[in-house]
Amino acid sequence: MLKIINISAVIAVVFIVLFSVVDFRHKAEYVEKPKGHMEDVIPKTLTGWTSEEVPIATTEEVARATEKILNSSQYISRKYVSENGGREFNMFINYWGKGLEDPQKASTHVPDRCWVKNGWTNHKDKAVGDYKIAVDGVNVFPANYRELSISANGMEYRRYACFWHLLDYEPYNYNPKDAAMPRLDVYISTMLKSALNGAPEQYFVRIDAPFPIEELFGDEGFKELMLALQKLALENVDRAEK
């Protein structure tokens, strides 16, 4: 049994090295949804909440570099603030048109990698791979849930995040506790599909807050946002049957 496992591991490594070094991927025609298609669906104002667009970097030079790293077709980076100013949460959506970005590269933007590289700690004991958004009337795919913290000026700051990564409107299945390293079987199968068919259309969606996300579940404005995200990309439905 151990010998079979070792052989499988060797084959997996060979595939990964081969696809990393030799570029014989299918070059799919680049197809992108119209500019502004996300803004047309995702409201800036929610019941009880206003919003402001948040720069992905603090300077123009860093912003250009960050956009190059993201290599996205379109993105929204937005903060929602309660009307009384007492609460806030962030929403980030990154969209890649078909043929633009390999899923393996797109997956590097998950908090487990991106945030951790910038000093945050991912509390793996709190991580959930099938986090249900329990909001009445909302039917979205289960999310990946994380709790992350960072220390600065003698204080600890904590963020609670849930995120989705969709390939052709189907969830990319990460390691449930730490998405920094993808599941080997998913990594290989996705790599083969991309090699044969070209990079799929992709969405990455993240919601994060300084309080547990479930505290928003009873909020009407949050429900409006989740219904909009459901319409955009997150609807939990078997599209093969549609």
Foldseek 3Di string as FASTA:
>chain_A
DVVVVVVVVVVLVVLVVCVVPDPLADQDDWDDDDPCPLVVLFDQDFVQKHKDFDQPDDDPVVSVVVCVLLQFPDKTWMKIAGPVRPFIKIKIKTWHTFRGDQVVSNLCPDCLRPVVVVAKDWPLVPWFQFADLPAPPFAFGGWTWIKIWHDDPRDIAIKIKTKFKDFQLHTQRADRRGNNDGDSVSVSVSSVCCRHHNGGIMMMMMMMTSDHPNVCRPPRRVVSRSVSVCVVRGHPDDPVVD
